[in-house]
C-alpha atoms as a PDB file:
ATOM      1  CA  MET A   1      18.594   9.880 -10.271  1.00  0.00           C
ATOM      2  CA  HIS A   2      15.092   8.507 -10.695  1.00  0.00           C
ATOM      3  CA  ILE A   3      14.040   7.216 -14.090  1.00  0.00           C
ATOM      4  CA  PRO A   4      10.247   6.846 -14.289  1.00  0.00           C
ATOM      5  CA  ILE A   5       9.025   3.422 -15.346  1.00  0.00           C
ATOM      6  CA  PHE A   6       5.677   3.042 -17.090  1.00  0.00           C
ATOM      7  CA  GLY A   7       3.717  -0.173 -17.393  1.00  0.00           C
ATOM      8  CA  ASN A   8       2.023  -1.085 -20.631  1.00  0.00           C
ATOM      9  CA  GLY A   9       0.331  -4.137 -22.061  1.00  0.00           C
ATOM     10  CA  ASP A  10      -3.148  -5.530 -21.548  1.00  0.00           C
ATOM     11  CA  ILE A  11      -4.133  -3.041 -18.868  1.00  0.00           C
ATOM     12  CA  ASP A  12      -7.849  -3.241 -19.521  1.00  0.00           C
ATOM     13  CA  SER A  13      -9.394  -2.668 -16.106  1.00  0.00           C
ATOM     14  CA  PRO A  14      -8.940  -0.564 -12.991  1.00  0.00           C
ATOM     15  CA  GLN A  15      -7.871  -3.684 -11.110  1.00  0.00           C
ATOM     16  CA  LYS A  16      -5.056  -4.395 -13.571  1.00  0.00           C
ATOM     17  CA  ALA A  17      -3.868  -0.807 -13.309  1.00  0.00           C
ATOM     18  CA  ILE A  18      -3.487  -1.169  -9.544  1.00  0.00           C
ATOM     19  CA  GLU A  19      -1.923  -4.617  -9.974  1.00  0.00           C
ATOM     20  CA  TYR A  20       0.829  -3.118 -12.151  1.00  0.00           C
ATOM     21  CA  LYS A  21       1.498  -0.485  -9.512  1.00  0.00           C
ATOM     22  CA  ASN A  22       1.620  -2.996  -6.660  1.00  0.00           C
ATOM     23  CA  ARG A  23       3.377  -5.869  -8.399  1.00  0.00           C
ATOM     24  CA  TYR A  24       5.914  -3.975 -10.490  1.00  0.00           C
ATOM     25  CA  GLY A  25       6.171  -0.627  -8.697  1.00  0.00           C
ATOM     26  CA  VAL A  26       5.631   1.368 -11.881  1.00  0.00           C
ATOM     27  CA  ASP A  27       5.355   5.134 -11.755  1.00  0.00           C
ATOM     28  CA  GLY A  28       2.518   5.211 -14.244  1.00  0.00           C
ATOM     29  CA  ILE A  29       0.658   3.176 -16.819  1.00  0.00           C
ATOM     30  CA  MET A  30      -0.194   3.550 -20.481  1.00  0.00           C
ATOM     31  CA  ILE A  31      -3.539   2.493 -21.900  1.00  0.00           C
ATOM     32  CA  GLY A  32      -3.738   1.384 -25.517  1.00  0.00           C
ATOM     33  CA  ARG A  33      -6.186  -1.065 -27.038  1.00  0.00           C
ATOM     34  CA  ALA A  34      -8.378  -1.060 -23.938  1.00  0.00           C
ATOM     35  CA  ALA A  35      -9.466   2.494 -24.783  1.00  0.00           C
ATOM     36  CA  ILE A  36     -10.775   1.484 -28.206  1.00  0.00           C
ATOM     37  CA  GLY A  37     -14.514   1.343 -27.739  1.00  0.00           C
ATOM     38  CA  ASN A  38     -14.135   2.180 -24.058  1.00  0.00           C
ATOM     39  CA  PRO A  39     -12.838   5.718 -23.601  1.00  0.00           C
ATOM     40  CA  TRP A  40     -14.385   5.670 -20.127  1.00  0.00           C
ATOM     41  CA  ILE A  41     -11.574   3.431 -18.855  1.00  0.00           C
ATOM     42  CA  PHE A  42      -9.459   6.444 -17.885  1.00  0.00           C
ATOM     43  CA  ASN A  43     -12.091   7.834 -15.509  1.00  0.00           C
ATOM     44  CA  GLU A  44     -12.859   4.338 -14.203  1.00  0.00           C
ATOM     45  CA  ILE A  45      -9.200   3.890 -13.237  1.00  0.00           C
ATOM     46  CA  LYS A  46      -9.030   7.333 -11.609  1.00  0.00           C
ATOM     47  CA  LYS A  47     -12.156   6.653  -9.560  1.00  0.00           C
ATOM     48  CA  TYR A  48     -10.913   3.213  -8.564  1.00  0.00           C
ATOM     49  CA  ILE A  49      -7.623   4.681  -7.353  1.00  0.00           C
ATOM     50  CA  ARG A  50      -9.498   7.331  -5.337  1.00  0.00           C
ATOM     51  CA  ASN A  51     -12.095   5.192  -3.589  1.00  0.00           C
ATOM     52  CA  GLY A  52     -11.448   1.528  -4.407  1.00  0.00           C
ATOM     53  CA  GLU A  53     -14.761   1.084  -6.175  1.00  0.00           C
ATOM     54  CA  VAL A  54     -15.292   0.179  -9.815  1.00  0.00           C
ATOM     55  CA  PRO A  55     -17.871   2.625 -11.137  1.00  0.00           C
ATOM     56  CA  ASP A  56     -20.760   1.440 -13.265  1.00  0.00           C
ATOM     57  CA  GLY A  57     -20.053   1.713 -16.959  1.00  0.00           C
ATOM     58  CA  PRO A  58     -21.947   4.143 -19.156  1.00  0.00           C
ATOM     59  CA  ASP A  59     -25.494   3.289 -20.109  1.00  0.00           C
ATOM     60  CA  ILE A  60     -26.529   2.794 -23.724  1.00  0.00           C
ATOM     61  CA  ALA A  61     -27.646   6.431 -24.114  1.00  0.00           C
ATOM     62  CA  GLU A  62     -24.191   7.680 -23.100  1.00  0.00           C
ATOM     63  CA  ARG A  63     -22.485   5.185 -25.417  1.00  0.00           C
ATOM     64  CA  VAL A  64     -24.636   6.335 -28.356  1.00  0.00           C
ATOM     65  CA  ARG A  65     -24.048  10.016 -27.546  1.00  0.00           C
ATOM     66  CA  VAL A  66     -20.263   9.571 -27.444  1.00  0.00           C
ATOM     67  CA  THR A  67     -20.250   7.419 -30.589  1.00  0.00           C
ATOM     68  CA  LYS A  68     -22.184  10.091 -32.503  1.00  0.00           C
ATOM     69  CA  LYS A  69     -19.820  12.792 -31.241  1.00  0.00           C
ATOM     70  CA  HIS A  70     -16.799  10.738 -32.310  1.00  0.00           C
ATOM     71  CA  LEU A  71     -18.310  10.140 -35.752  1.00  0.00           C
ATOM     72  CA  ASP A  72     -18.998  13.859 -36.141  1.00  0.00           C
ATOM     73  CA  PHE A  73     -15.395  14.726 -35.217  1.00  0.00           C
ATOM     74  CA  SER A  74     -14.084  12.081 -37.623  1.00  0.00           C
ATOM     75  CA  VAL A  75     -16.172  13.355 -40.525  1.00  0.00           C
ATOM     76  CA  ARG A  76     -15.123  16.961 -39.916  1.00  0.00           C
ATOM     77  CA  TRP A  77     -11.467  15.936 -39.652  1.00  0.00           C
ATOM     78  CA  LYS A  78     -11.600  13.944 -42.894  1.00  0.00           C
ATOM     79  CA  GLU A  79     -13.344  16.797 -44.707  1.00  0.00           C
ATOM     80  CA  THR A  80     -10.491  19.172 -43.858  1.00  0.00           C
ATOM     81  CA  ASP A  81      -8.000  16.490 -44.894  1.00  0.00           C
ATOM     82  CA  LEU A  82      -9.423  16.533 -48.437  1.00  0.00           C
ATOM     83  CA  TYR A  83      -7.903  19.948 -49.143  1.00  0.00           C
ATOM     84  CA  PHE A  84      -4.283  19.002 -48.446  1.00  0.00           C
END
């Protein structure tokens, strides 16, 4: 029987994700605080696993666009919450 083991805790870069895999032999990782303010970390890790290169982070225009989208979703979610 194989019980999957997931690594968690301070995985805040693609390099640390690979380190957990190599050092501890985990089957997967969980990202927590590192995604706050950096939702791009998931794609950065995927790309790093595929080709070994750390992609450039998003430019300021992309950061502003995503922040506005997140704010819009949050406002709409809170507005529907008012009726419950």
